[in-house]
Amino acid sequence: FRQAPGKKREGVAVNRDDGSTNYADPETGRFTISRDNAKNTLYLQMN
């Protein structure tokens, strides 16, 4: 999620155990969400 000053908190991307992912429309194509289960780490690559 992200929150800018004076703005509501908004969802950026979600990743689930069923393998599904979703992105907010403006971020589609620029952001990539992924999870490394071995490291228990979630990533957000932002280009």
ModelCIF file with pLDDT and N, C-alpha, C, O atoms, coordinates in Angstrom:
data_MODEL
#
_entry.id   MODEL 
#
_entity.id                         1 
_entity.type                       polymer 
_entity.pdbx_number_of_molecules   1 
#
_entity_poly.entity_id                      1 
_entity_poly.type                           'polypeptide(L)' 
_entity_poly.nstd_linkage                   no 
_entity_poly.nstd_monomer                   no 
_entity_poly.pdbx_seq_one_letter_code       FRQAPGKKREGVAVNRDDGSTNYADPETGRFTISRDNAKNTLYLQMN 
_entity_poly.pdbx_seq_one_letter_code_can   FRQAPGKKREGVAVNRDDGSTNYADPETGRFTISRDNAKNTLYLQMN 
_entity_poly.pdbx_strand_id                 A 
#
loop_
_entity_poly_seq.entity_id 
_entity_poly_seq.num 
_entity_poly_seq.mon_id 
_entity_poly_seq.hetero 
1 1  PHE n 
1 2  ARG n 
1 3  GLN n 
1 4  ALA n 
1 5  PRO n 
1 6  GLY n 
1 7  LYS n 
1 8  LYS n 
1 9  ARG n 
1 10 GLU n 
1 11 GLY n 
1 12 VAL n 
1 13 ALA n 
1 14 VAL n 
1 15 ASN n 
1 16 ARG n 
1 17 ASP n 
1 18 ASP n 
1 19 GLY n 
1 20 SER n 
1 21 THR n 
1 22 ASN n 
1 23 TYR n 
1 24 ALA n 
1 25 ASP n 
1 26 PRO n 
1 27 GLU n 
1 28 THR n 
1 29 GLY n 
1 30 ARG n 
1 31 PHE n 
1 32 THR n 
1 33 ILE n 
1 34 SER n 
1 35 ARG n 
1 36 ASP n 
1 37 ASN n 
1 38 ALA n 
1 39 LYS n 
1 40 ASN n 
1 41 THR n 
1 42 LEU n 
1 43 TYR n 
1 44 LEU n 
1 45 GLN n 
1 46 MET n 
1 47 ASN n 
#
_struct_asym.id          A 
_struct_asym.entity_id   1 
#
loop_
_ma_qa_metric.id 
_ma_qa_metric.mode 
_ma_qa_metric.name 
_ma_qa_metric.software_group_id 
_ma_qa_metric.type 
1 global pLDDT . pLDDT 
2 local  pLDDT . pLDDT 
#
_ma_qa_metric_global.metric_id      1 
_ma_qa_metric_global.metric_value   93.28 
_ma_qa_metric_global.model_id       1 
_ma_qa_metric_global.ordinal_id     1 
#
loop_
_ma_qa_metric_local.label_asym_id 
_ma_qa_metric_local.label_comp_id 
_ma_qa_metric_local.label_seq_id 
_ma_qa_metric_local.metric_id 
_ma_qa_metric_local.metric_value 
_ma_qa_metric_local.model_id 
_ma_qa_metric_local.ordinal_id 
A PHE 1  2 97.00 1 1  
A ARG 2  2 97.00 1 2  
A GLN 3  2 97.00 1 3  
A ALA 4  2 97.00 1 4  
A PRO 5  2 93.00 1 5  
A GLY 6  2 95.00 1 6  
A LYS 7  2 96.00 1 7  
A LYS 8  2 95.00 1 8  
A ARG 9  2 96.00 1 9  
A GLU 10 2 95.00 1 10 
A GLY 11 2 96.00 1 11 
A VAL 12 2 96.00 1 12 
A ALA 13 2 97.00 1 13 
A VAL 14 2 97.00 1 14 
A ASN 15 2 96.00 1 15 
A ARG 16 2 96.00 1 16 
A ASP 17 2 94.00 1 17 
A ASP 18 2 94.00 1 18 
A GLY 19 2 92.00 1 19 
A SER 20 2 95.00 1 20 
A THR 21 2 96.00 1 21 
A ASN 22 2 95.00 1 22 
A TYR 23 2 95.00 1 23 
A ALA 24 2 93.00 1 24 
A ASP 25 2 79.00 1 25 
A PRO 26 2 74.00 1 26 
A GLU 27 2 72.00 1 27 
A THR 28 2 76.00 1 28 
A GLY 29 2 90.00 1 29 
A ARG 30 2 95.00 1 30 
A PHE 31 2 96.00 1 31 
A THR 32 2 96.00 1 32 
A ILE 33 2 96.00 1 33 
A SER 34 2 96.00 1 34 
A ARG 35 2 95.00 1 35 
A ASP 36 2 93.00 1 36 
A ASN 37 2 87.00 1 37 
A ALA 38 2 88.00 1 38 
A LYS 39 2 90.00 1 39 
A ASN 40 2 93.00 1 40 
A THR 41 2 96.00 1 41 
A LEU 42 2 97.00 1 42 
A TYR 43 2 98.00 1 43 
A LEU 44 2 97.00 1 44 
A GLN 45 2 97.00 1 45 
A MET 46 2 97.00 1 46 
A ASN 47 2 96.00 1 47 
#
loop_
_atom_site.group_PDB 
_atom_site.id 
_atom_site.type_symbol 
_atom_site.label_atom_id 
_atom_site.label_alt_id 
_atom_site.label_comp_id 
_atom_site.label_asym_id 
_atom_site.label_entity_id 
_atom_site.label_seq_id 
_atom_site.pdbx_PDB_ins_code 
_atom_site.Cartn_x 
_atom_site.Cartn_y 
_atom_site.Cartn_z 
_atom_site.occupancy 
_atom_site.B_iso_or_equiv 
_atom_site.pdbx_formal_charge 
_atom_site.auth_seq_id 
_atom_site.auth_comp_id 
_atom_site.auth_asym_id 
_atom_site.auth_atom_id 
_atom_site.pdbx_PDB_model_num 
ATOM 1   N N  . PHE A 1 1  ? 0.846  -1.180  0.000   1.00 97.00 ? 1  PHE A N  1 
ATOM 2   C CA . PHE A 1 1  ? 0.000  0.000   0.000   1.00 97.00 ? 1  PHE A CA 1 
ATOM 3   C C  . PHE A 1 1  ? 0.883  1.231   0.000   1.00 97.00 ? 1  PHE A C  1 
ATOM 4   O O  . PHE A 1 1  ? 2.073  1.153   0.304   1.00 97.00 ? 1  PHE A O  1 
ATOM 5   N N  . ARG A 1 2  ? 0.300  2.364   -0.340  1.00 97.00 ? 2  ARG A N  1 
ATOM 6   C CA . ARG A 1 2  ? 1.033  3.620   -0.227  1.00 97.00 ? 2  ARG A CA 1 
ATOM 7   C C  . ARG A 1 2  ? 0.083  4.726   0.207   1.00 97.00 ? 2  ARG A C  1 
ATOM 8   O O  . ARG A 1 2  ? -1.118 4.677   -0.056  1.00 97.00 ? 2  ARG A O  1 
ATOM 9   N N  . GLN A 1 3  ? 0.646  5.717   0.873   1.00 97.00 ? 3  GLN A N  1 
ATOM 10  C CA . GLN A 1 3  ? -0.137 6.849   1.323   1.00 97.00 ? 3  GLN A CA 1 
ATOM 11  C C  . GLN A 1 3  ? 0.698  8.115   1.205   1.00 97.00 ? 3  GLN A C  1 
ATOM 12  O O  . GLN A 1 3  ? 1.755  8.236   1.823   1.00 97.00 ? 3  GLN A O  1 
ATOM 13  N N  . ALA A 1 4  ? 0.216  9.046   0.412   1.00 97.00 ? 4  ALA A N  1 
ATOM 14  C CA . ALA A 1 4  ? 0.846  10.345  0.256   1.00 97.00 ? 4  ALA A CA 1 
ATOM 15  C C  . ALA A 1 4  ? 0.176  11.334  1.204   1.00 97.00 ? 4  ALA A C  1 
ATOM 16  O O  . ALA A 1 4  ? -0.969 11.122  1.603   1.00 97.00 ? 4  ALA A O  1 
ATOM 17  N N  . PRO A 1 5  ? 0.869  12.411  1.572   1.00 93.00 ? 5  PRO A N  1 
ATOM 18  C CA . PRO A 1 5  ? 0.270  13.398  2.467   1.00 93.00 ? 5  PRO A CA 1 
ATOM 19  C C  . PRO A 1 5  ? -1.061 13.918  1.935   1.00 93.00 ? 5  PRO A C  1 
ATOM 20  O O  . PRO A 1 5  ? -1.161 14.315  0.774   1.00 93.00 ? 5  PRO A O  1 
ATOM 21  N N  . GLY A 1 6  ? -2.079 13.914  2.789   1.00 95.00 ? 6  GLY A N  1 
ATOM 22  C CA . GLY A 1 6  ? -3.386 14.395  2.408   1.00 95.00 ? 6  GLY A CA 1 
ATOM 23  C C  . GLY A 1 6  ? -4.203 13.436  1.570   1.00 95.00 ? 6  GLY A C  1 
ATOM 24  O O  . GLY A 1 6  ? -5.314 13.774  1.161   1.00 95.00 ? 6  GLY A O  1 
ATOM 25  N N  . LYS A 1 7  ? -3.683 12.249  1.305   1.00 96.00 ? 7  LYS A N  1 
ATOM 26  C CA . LYS A 1 7  ? -4.378 11.266  0.486   1.00 96.00 ? 7  LYS A CA 1 
ATOM 27  C C  . LYS A 1 7  ? -4.733 10.033  1.306   1.00 96.00 ? 7  LYS A C  1 
ATOM 28  O O  . LYS A 1 7  ? -4.119 9.758   2.337   1.00 96.00 ? 7  LYS A O  1 
ATOM 29  N N  . LYS A 1 8  ? -5.732 9.298   0.833   1.00 95.00 ? 8  LYS A N  1 
ATOM 30  C CA . LYS A 1 8  ? -6.101 8.041   1.463   1.00 95.00 ? 8  LYS A CA 1 
ATOM 31  C C  . LYS A 1 8  ? -5.077 6.964   1.126   1.00 95.00 ? 8  LYS A C  1 
ATOM 32  O O  . LYS A 1 8  ? -4.415 7.012   0.089   1.00 95.00 ? 8  LYS A O  1 
ATOM 33  N N  . ARG A 1 9  ? -4.963 6.003   2.018   1.00 96.00 ? 9  ARG A N  1 
ATOM 34  C CA . ARG A 1 9  ? -4.106 4.863   1.744   1.00 96.00 ? 9  ARG A CA 1 
ATOM 35  C C  . ARG A 1 9  ? -4.698 4.055   0.590   1.00 96.00 ? 9  ARG A C  1 
ATOM 36  O O  . ARG A 1 9  ? -5.894 3.760   0.583   1.00 96.00 ? 9  ARG A O  1 
ATOM 37  N N  . GLU A 1 10 ? -3.865 3.700   -0.380  1.00 95.00 ? 10 GLU A N  1 
ATOM 38  C CA . GLU A 1 10 ? -4.340 2.970   -1.538  1.00 95.00 ? 10 GLU A CA 1 
ATOM 39  C C  . GLU A 1 10 ? -3.517 1.709   -1.766  1.00 95.00 ? 10 GLU A C  1 
ATOM 40  O O  . GLU A 1 10 ? -2.320 1.669   -1.482  1.00 95.00 ? 10 GLU A O  1 
ATOM 41  N N  . GLY A 1 11 ? -4.168 0.700   -2.274  1.00 96.00 ? 11 GLY A N  1 
ATOM 42  C CA . GLY A 1 11 ? -3.489 -0.533  -2.611  1.00 96.00 ? 11 GLY A CA 1 
ATOM 43  C C  . GLY A 1 11 ? -2.689 -0.374  -3.887  1.00 96.00 ? 11 GLY A C  1 
ATOM 44  O O  . GLY A 1 11 ? -3.182 0.188   -4.865  1.00 96.00 ? 11 GLY A O  1 
ATOM 45  N N  . VAL A 1 12 ? -1.460 -0.863  -3.885  1.00 96.00 ? 12 VAL A N  1 
ATOM 46  C CA . VAL A 1 12 ? -0.578 -0.801  -5.044  1.00 96.00 ? 12 VAL A CA 1 
ATOM 47  C C  . VAL A 1 12 ? -0.534 -2.141  -5.768  1.00 96.00 ? 12 VAL A C  1 
ATOM 48  O O  . VAL A 1 12 ? -0.661 -2.195  -6.992  1.00 96.00 ? 12 VAL A O  1 
ATOM 49  N N  . ALA A 1 13 ? -0.355 -3.215  -5.017  1.00 97.00 ? 13 ALA A N  1 
ATOM 50  C CA . ALA A 1 13 ? -0.272 -4.550  -5.595  1.00 97.00 ? 13 ALA A CA 1 
ATOM 51  C C  . ALA A 1 13 ? -0.518 -5.580  -4.510  1.00 97.00 ? 13 ALA A C  1 
ATOM 52  O O  . ALA A 1 13 ? -0.259 -5.326  -3.333  1.00 97.00 ? 13 ALA A O  1 
ATOM 53  N N  . VAL A 1 14 ? -1.020 -6.744  -4.905  1.00 97.00 ? 14 VAL A N  1 
ATOM 54  C CA . VAL A 1 14 ? -1.261 -7.832  -3.964  1.00 97.00 ? 14 VAL A CA 1 
ATOM 55  C C  . VAL A 1 14 ? -0.770 -9.138  -4.576  1.00 97.00 ? 14 VAL A C  1 
ATOM 56  O O  . VAL A 1 14 ? -0.882 -9.353  -5.783  1.00 97.00 ? 14 VAL A O  1 
ATOM 57  N N  . ASN A 1 15 ? -0.233 -9.992  -3.741  1.00 96.00 ? 15 ASN A N  1 
ATOM 58  C CA . ASN A 1 15 ? 0.256  -11.312 -4.129  1.00 96.00 ? 15 ASN A CA 1 
ATOM 59  C C  . ASN A 1 15 ? -0.341 -12.336 -3.168  1.00 96.00 ? 15 ASN A C  1 
ATOM 60  O O  . ASN A 1 15 ? -0.396 -12.095 -1.962  1.00 96.00 ? 15 ASN A O  1 
ATOM 61  N N  . ARG A 1 16 ? -0.793 -13.484 -3.697  1.00 96.00 ? 16 ARG A N  1 
ATOM 62  C CA . ARG A 1 16 ? -1.468 -14.491 -2.890  1.00 96.00 ? 16 ARG A CA 1 
ATOM 63  C C  . ARG A 1 16 ? -0.864 -15.872 -3.086  1.00 96.00 ? 16 ARG A C  1 
ATOM 64  O O  . ARG A 1 16 ? -0.164 -16.132 -4.064  1.00 96.00 ? 16 ARG A O  1 
ATOM 65  N N  . ASP A 1 17 ? -1.151 -16.752 -2.131  1.00 94.00 ? 17 ASP A N  1 
ATOM 66  C CA . ASP A 1 17 ? -0.613 -18.107 -2.171  1.00 94.00 ? 17 ASP A CA 1 
ATOM 67  C C  . ASP A 1 17 ? -1.116 -18.910 -3.367  1.00 94.00 ? 17 ASP A C  1 
ATOM 68  O O  . ASP A 1 17 ? -0.460 -19.868 -3.777  1.00 94.00 ? 17 ASP A O  1 
ATOM 69  N N  . ASP A 1 18 ? -2.263 -18.543 -3.936  1.00 94.00 ? 18 ASP A N  1 
ATOM 70  C CA . ASP A 1 18 ? -2.760 -19.247 -5.114  1.00 94.00 ? 18 ASP A CA 1 
ATOM 71  C C  . ASP A 1 18 ? -2.029 -18.815 -6.385  1.00 94.00 ? 18 ASP A C  1 
ATOM 72  O O  . ASP A 1 18 ? -2.358 -19.278 -7.477  1.00 94.00 ? 18 ASP A O  1 
ATOM 73  N N  . GLY A 1 19 ? -1.040 -17.933 -6.248  1.00 92.00 ? 19 GLY A N  1 
ATOM 74  C CA . GLY A 1 19 ? -0.253 -17.475 -7.371  1.00 92.00 ? 19 GLY A CA 1 
ATOM 75  C C  . GLY A 1 19 ? -0.789 -16.247 -8.063  1.00 92.00 ? 19 GLY A C  1 
ATOM 76  O O  . GLY A 1 19 ? -0.152 -15.728 -8.980  1.00 92.00 ? 19 GLY A O  1 
ATOM 77  N N  . SER A 1 20 ? -1.939 -15.772 -7.650  1.00 95.00 ? 20 SER A N  1 
ATOM 78  C CA . SER A 1 20 ? -2.541 -14.627 -8.306  1.00 95.00 ? 20 SER A CA 1 
ATOM 79  C C  . SER A 1 20 ? -1.904 -13.323 -7.835  1.00 95.00 ? 20 SER A C  1 
ATOM 80  O O  . SER A 1 20 ? -1.445 -13.216 -6.698  1.00 95.00 ? 20 SER A O  1 
ATOM 81  N N  . THR A 1 21 ? -1.883 -12.345 -8.719  1.00 96.00 ? 21 THR A N  1 
ATOM 82  C CA . THR A 1 21 ? -1.413 -11.008 -8.412  1.00 96.00 ? 21 THR A CA 1 
ATOM 83  C C  . THR A 1 21 ? -2.347 -9.999  -9.053  1.00 96.00 ? 21 THR A C  1 
ATOM 84  O O  . THR A 1 21 ? -2.993 -10.289 -10.061 1.00 96.00 ? 21 THR A O  1 
ATOM 85  N N  . ASN A 1 22 ? -2.415 -8.822  -8.469  1.00 95.00 ? 22 ASN A N  1 
ATOM 86  C CA . ASN A 1 22 ? -3.180 -7.727  -9.030  1.00 95.00 ? 22 ASN A CA 1 
ATOM 87  C C  . ASN A 1 22 ? -2.434 -6.429  -8.785  1.00 95.00 ? 22 ASN A C  1 
ATOM 88  O O  . ASN A 1 22 ? -1.712 -6.284  -7.799  1.00 95.00 ? 22 ASN A O  1 
ATOM 89  N N  . TYR A 1 23 ? -2.621 -5.490  -9.700  1.00 95.00 ? 23 TYR A N  1 
ATOM 90  C CA . TYR A 1 23 ? -1.978 -4.193  -9.617  1.00 95.00 ? 23 TYR A CA 1 
ATOM 91  C C  . TYR A 1 23 ? -2.999 -3.085  -9.796  1.00 95.00 ? 23 TYR A C  1 
ATOM 92  O O  . TYR A 1 23 ? -3.984 -3.244  -10.517 1.00 95.00 ? 23 TYR A O  1 
ATOM 93  N N  . ALA A 1 24 ? -2.755 -1.966  -9.137  1.00 93.00 ? 24 ALA A N  1 
ATOM 94  C CA . ALA A 1 24 ? -3.552 -0.786  -9.407  1.00 93.00 ? 24 ALA A CA 1 
ATOM 95  C C  . ALA A 1 24 ? -3.325 -0.366  -10.853 1.00 93.00 ? 24 ALA A C  1 
ATOM 96  O O  . ALA A 1 24 ? -2.214 -0.479  -11.370 1.00 93.00 ? 24 ALA A O  1 
ATOM 97  N N  . ASP A 1 25 ? -4.380 0.119   -11.508 1.00 79.00 ? 25 ASP A N  1 
ATOM 98  C CA . ASP A 1 25 ? -4.302 0.427   -12.935 1.00 79.00 ? 25 ASP A CA 1 
ATOM 99  C C  . ASP A 1 25 ? -3.120 1.322   -13.321 1.00 79.00 ? 25 ASP A C  1 
ATOM 100 O O  . ASP A 1 25 ? -2.423 1.022   -14.290 1.00 79.00 ? 25 ASP A O  1 
ATOM 101 N N  . PRO A 1 26 ? -2.878 2.424   -12.577 1.00 74.00 ? 26 PRO A N  1 
ATOM 102 C CA . PRO A 1 26 ? -1.764 3.285   -12.993 1.00 74.00 ? 26 PRO A CA 1 
ATOM 103 C C  . PRO A 1 26 ? -0.399 2.627   -12.888 1.00 74.00 ? 26 PRO A C  1 
ATOM 104 O O  . PRO A 1 26 ? 0.543  3.058   -13.554 1.00 74.00 ? 26 PRO A O  1 
ATOM 105 N N  . GLU A 1 27 ? -0.274 1.600   -12.073 1.00 72.00 ? 27 GLU A N  1 
ATOM 106 C CA . GLU A 1 27 ? 1.021  0.956   -11.852 1.00 72.00 ? 27 GLU A CA 1 
ATOM 107 C C  . GLU A 1 27 ? 1.258  -0.254  -12.745 1.00 72.00 ? 27 GLU A C  1 
ATOM 108 O O  . GLU A 1 27 ? 2.375  -0.766  -12.815 1.00 72.00 ? 27 GLU A O  1 
ATOM 109 N N  . THR A 1 28 ? 0.212  -0.713  -13.426 1.00 76.00 ? 28 THR A N  1 
ATOM 110 C CA . THR A 1 28 ? 0.358  -1.874  -14.294 1.00 76.00 ? 28 THR A CA 1 
ATOM 111 C C  . THR A 1 28 ? 1.430  -1.621  -15.346 1.00 76.00 ? 28 THR A C  1 
ATOM 112 O O  . THR A 1 28 ? 1.392  -0.619  -16.060 1.00 76.00 ? 28 THR A O  1 
ATOM 113 N N  . GLY A 1 29 ? 2.388  -2.541  -15.433 1.00 90.00 ? 29 GLY A N  1 
ATOM 114 C CA . GLY A 1 29 ? 3.467  -2.420  -16.397 1.00 90.00 ? 29 GLY A CA 1 
ATOM 115 C C  . GLY A 1 29 ? 4.715  -1.767  -15.840 1.00 90.00 ? 29 GLY A C  1 
ATOM 116 O O  . GLY A 1 29 ? 5.794  -1.910  -16.415 1.00 90.00 ? 29 GLY A O  1 
ATOM 117 N N  . ARG A 1 30 ? 4.590  -1.049  -14.728 1.00 95.00 ? 30 ARG A N  1 
ATOM 118 C CA . ARG A 1 30 ? 5.744  -0.404  -14.116 1.00 95.00 ? 30 ARG A CA 1 
ATOM 119 C C  . ARG A 1 30 ? 6.197  -1.107  -12.842 1.00 95.00 ? 30 ARG A C  1 
ATOM 120 O O  . ARG A 1 30 ? 7.390  -1.133  -12.536 1.00 95.00 ? 30 ARG A O  1 
ATOM 121 N N  . PHE A 1 31 ? 5.258  -1.672  -12.102 1.00 96.00 ? 31 PHE A N  1 
ATOM 122 C CA . PHE A 1 31 ? 5.562  -2.306  -10.823 1.00 96.00 ? 31 PHE A CA 1 
ATOM 123 C C  . PHE A 1 31 ? 5.389  -3.814  -10.933 1.00 96.00 ? 31 PHE A C  1 
ATOM 124 O O  . PHE A 1 31 ? 4.529  -4.298  -11.670 1.00 96.00 ? 31 PHE A O  1 
ATOM 125 N N  . THR A 1 32 ? 6.211  -4.552  -10.196 1.00 96.00 ? 32 THR A N  1 
ATOM 126 C CA . THR A 1 32 ? 6.108  -6.000  -10.141 1.00 96.00 ? 32 THR A CA 1 
ATOM 127 C C  . THR A 1 32 ? 6.192  -6.454  -8.694  1.00 96.00 ? 32 THR A C  1 
ATOM 128 O O  . THR A 1 32 ? 7.155  -6.140  -7.995  1.00 96.00 ? 32 THR A O  1 
ATOM 129 N N  . ILE A 1 33 ? 5.181  -7.194  -8.243  1.00 96.00 ? 33 ILE A N  1 
ATOM 130 C CA . ILE A 1 33 ? 5.190  -7.750  -6.899  1.00 96.00 ? 33 ILE A CA 1 
ATOM 131 C C  . ILE A 1 33 ? 5.608  -9.214  -6.979  1.00 96.00 ? 33 ILE A C  1 
ATOM 132 O O  . ILE A 1 33 ? 5.192  -9.931  -7.888  1.00 96.00 ? 33 ILE A O  1 
ATOM 133 N N  . SER A 1 34 ? 6.423  -9.655  -6.038  1.00 96.00 ? 34 SER A N  1 
ATOM 134 C CA . SER A 1 34 ? 6.868  -11.037 -6.001  1.00 96.00 ? 34 SER A CA 1 
ATOM 135 C C  . SER A 1 34 ? 7.158  -11.432 -4.564  1.00 96.00 ? 34 SER A C  1 
ATOM 136 O O  . SER A 1 34 ? 7.321  -10.581 -3.689  1.00 96.00 ? 34 SER A O  1 
ATOM 137 N N  . ARG A 1 35 ? 7.220  -12.740 -4.336  1.00 95.00 ? 35 ARG A N  1 
ATOM 138 C CA . ARG A 1 35 ? 7.493  -13.244 -2.995  1.00 95.00 ? 35 ARG A CA 1 
ATOM 139 C C  . ARG A 1 35 ? 8.518  -14.361 -3.064  1.00 95.00 ? 35 ARG A C  1 
ATOM 140 O O  . ARG A 1 35 ? 8.416  -15.257 -3.901  1.00 95.00 ? 35 ARG A O  1 
ATOM 141 N N  . ASP A 1 36 ? 9.504  -14.307 -2.184  1.00 93.00 ? 36 ASP A N  1 
ATOM 142 C CA . ASP A 1 36 ? 10.495 -15.361 -2.025  1.00 93.00 ? 36 ASP A CA 1 
ATOM 143 C C  . ASP A 1 36 ? 10.165 -16.075 -0.724  1.00 93.00 ? 36 ASP A C  1 
ATOM 144 O O  . ASP A 1 36 ? 10.509 -15.593 0.355   1.00 93.00 ? 36 ASP A O  1 
ATOM 145 N N  . ASN A 1 37 ? 9.499  -17.220 -0.821  1.00 87.00 ? 37 ASN A N  1 
ATOM 146 C CA . ASN A 1 37 ? 9.052  -17.923 0.376   1.00 87.00 ? 37 ASN A CA 1 
ATOM 147 C C  . ASN A 1 37 ? 10.215 -18.457 1.208   1.00 87.00 ? 37 ASN A C  1 
ATOM 148 O O  . ASN A 1 37 ? 10.104 -18.547 2.431   1.00 87.00 ? 37 ASN A O  1 
ATOM 149 N N  . ALA A 1 38 ? 11.324 -18.811 0.567   1.00 88.00 ? 38 ALA A N  1 
ATOM 150 C CA . ALA A 1 38 ? 12.484 -19.302 1.300   1.00 88.00 ? 38 ALA A CA 1 
ATOM 151 C C  . ALA A 1 38 ? 13.046 -18.236 2.228   1.00 88.00 ? 38 ALA A C  1 
ATOM 152 O O  . ALA A 1 38 ? 13.586 -18.550 3.288   1.00 88.00 ? 38 ALA A O  1 
ATOM 153 N N  . LYS A 1 39 ? 12.919 -16.980 1.831   1.00 90.00 ? 39 LYS A N  1 
ATOM 154 C CA . LYS A 1 39 ? 13.414 -15.868 2.633   1.00 90.00 ? 39 LYS A CA 1 
ATOM 155 C C  . LYS A 1 39 ? 12.303 -15.150 3.383   1.00 90.00 ? 39 LYS A C  1 
ATOM 156 O O  . LYS A 1 39 ? 12.564 -14.179 4.094   1.00 90.00 ? 39 LYS A O  1 
ATOM 157 N N  . ASN A 1 40 ? 11.067 -15.614 3.232   1.00 93.00 ? 40 ASN A N  1 
ATOM 158 C CA . ASN A 1 40 ? 9.911  -14.963 3.846   1.00 93.00 ? 40 ASN A CA 1 
ATOM 159 C C  . ASN A 1 40 ? 9.893  -13.473 3.523   1.00 93.00 ? 40 ASN A C  1 
ATOM 160 O O  . ASN A 1 40 ? 9.654  -12.637 4.394   1.00 93.00 ? 40 ASN A O  1 
ATOM 161 N N  . THR A 1 41 ? 10.148 -13.159 2.264   1.00 96.00 ? 41 THR A N  1 
ATOM 162 C CA . THR A 1 41 ? 10.300 -11.770 1.859   1.00 96.00 ? 41 THR A CA 1 
ATOM 163 C C  . THR A 1 41 ? 9.406  -11.442 0.670   1.00 96.00 ? 41 THR A C  1 
ATOM 164 O O  . THR A 1 41 ? 9.350  -12.188 -0.307  1.00 96.00 ? 41 THR A O  1 
ATOM 165 N N  . LEU A 1 42 ? 8.714  -10.326 0.768   1.00 97.00 ? 42 LEU A N  1 
ATOM 166 C CA . LEU A 1 42 ? 7.912  -9.775  -0.307  1.00 97.00 ? 42 LEU A CA 1 
ATOM 167 C C  . LEU A 1 42 ? 8.676  -8.621  -0.947  1.00 97.00 ? 42 LEU A C  1 
ATOM 168 O O  . LEU A 1 42 ? 9.321  -7.836  -0.252  1.00 97.00 ? 42 LEU A O  1 
ATOM 169 N N  . TYR A 1 43 ? 8.603  -8.522  -2.264  1.00 98.00 ? 43 TYR A N  1 
ATOM 170 C CA . TYR A 1 43 ? 9.298  -7.469  -2.989  1.00 98.00 ? 43 TYR A CA 1 
ATOM 171 C C  . TYR A 1 43 ? 8.327  -6.649  -3.821  1.00 98.00 ? 43 TYR A C  1 
ATOM 172 O O  . TYR A 1 43 ? 7.277  -7.138  -4.239  1.00 98.00 ? 43 TYR A O  1 
ATOM 173 N N  . LEU A 1 44 ? 8.689  -5.410  -4.051  1.00 97.00 ? 44 LEU A N  1 
ATOM 174 C CA . LEU A 1 44 ? 8.007  -4.578  -5.025  1.00 97.00 ? 44 LEU A CA 1 
ATOM 175 C C  . LEU A 1 44 ? 9.074  -3.907  -5.878  1.00 97.00 ? 44 LEU A C  1 
ATOM 176 O O  . LEU A 1 44 ? 9.761  -2.993  -5.423  1.00 97.00 ? 44 LEU A O  1 
ATOM 177 N N  . GLN A 1 45 ? 9.207  -4.365  -7.111  1.00 97.00 ? 45 GLN A N  1 
ATOM 178 C CA . GLN A 1 45 ? 10.117 -3.746  -8.058  1.00 97.00 ? 45 GLN A CA 1 
ATOM 179 C C  . GLN A 1 45 ? 9.382  -2.608  -8.742  1.00 97.00 ? 45 GLN A C  1 
ATOM 180 O O  . GLN A 1 45 ? 8.347  -2.823  -9.372  1.00 97.00 ? 45 GLN A O  1 
ATOM 181 N N  . MET A 1 46 ? 9.906  -1.407  -8.621  1.00 97.00 ? 46 MET A N  1 
ATOM 182 C CA . MET A 1 46 ? 9.278  -0.222  -9.173  1.00 97.00 ? 46 MET A CA 1 
ATOM 183 C C  . MET A 1 46 ? 10.193 0.388   -10.220 1.00 97.00 ? 46 MET A C  1 
ATOM 184 O O  . MET A 1 46 ? 11.315 0.792   -9.913  1.00 97.00 ? 46 MET A O  1 
ATOM 185 N N  . ASN A 1 47 ? 9.718  0.455   -11.446 1.00 96.00 ? 47 ASN A N  1 
ATOM 186 C CA . ASN A 1 47 ? 10.472 1.021   -12.555 1.00 96.00 ? 47 ASN A CA 1 
ATOM 187 C C  . ASN A 1 47 ? 9.752  2.247   -13.103 1.00 96.00 ? 47 ASN A C  1 
ATOM 188 O O  . ASN A 1 47 ? 10.231 2.872   -14.049 1.00 96.00 ? 47 ASN A O  1 
#
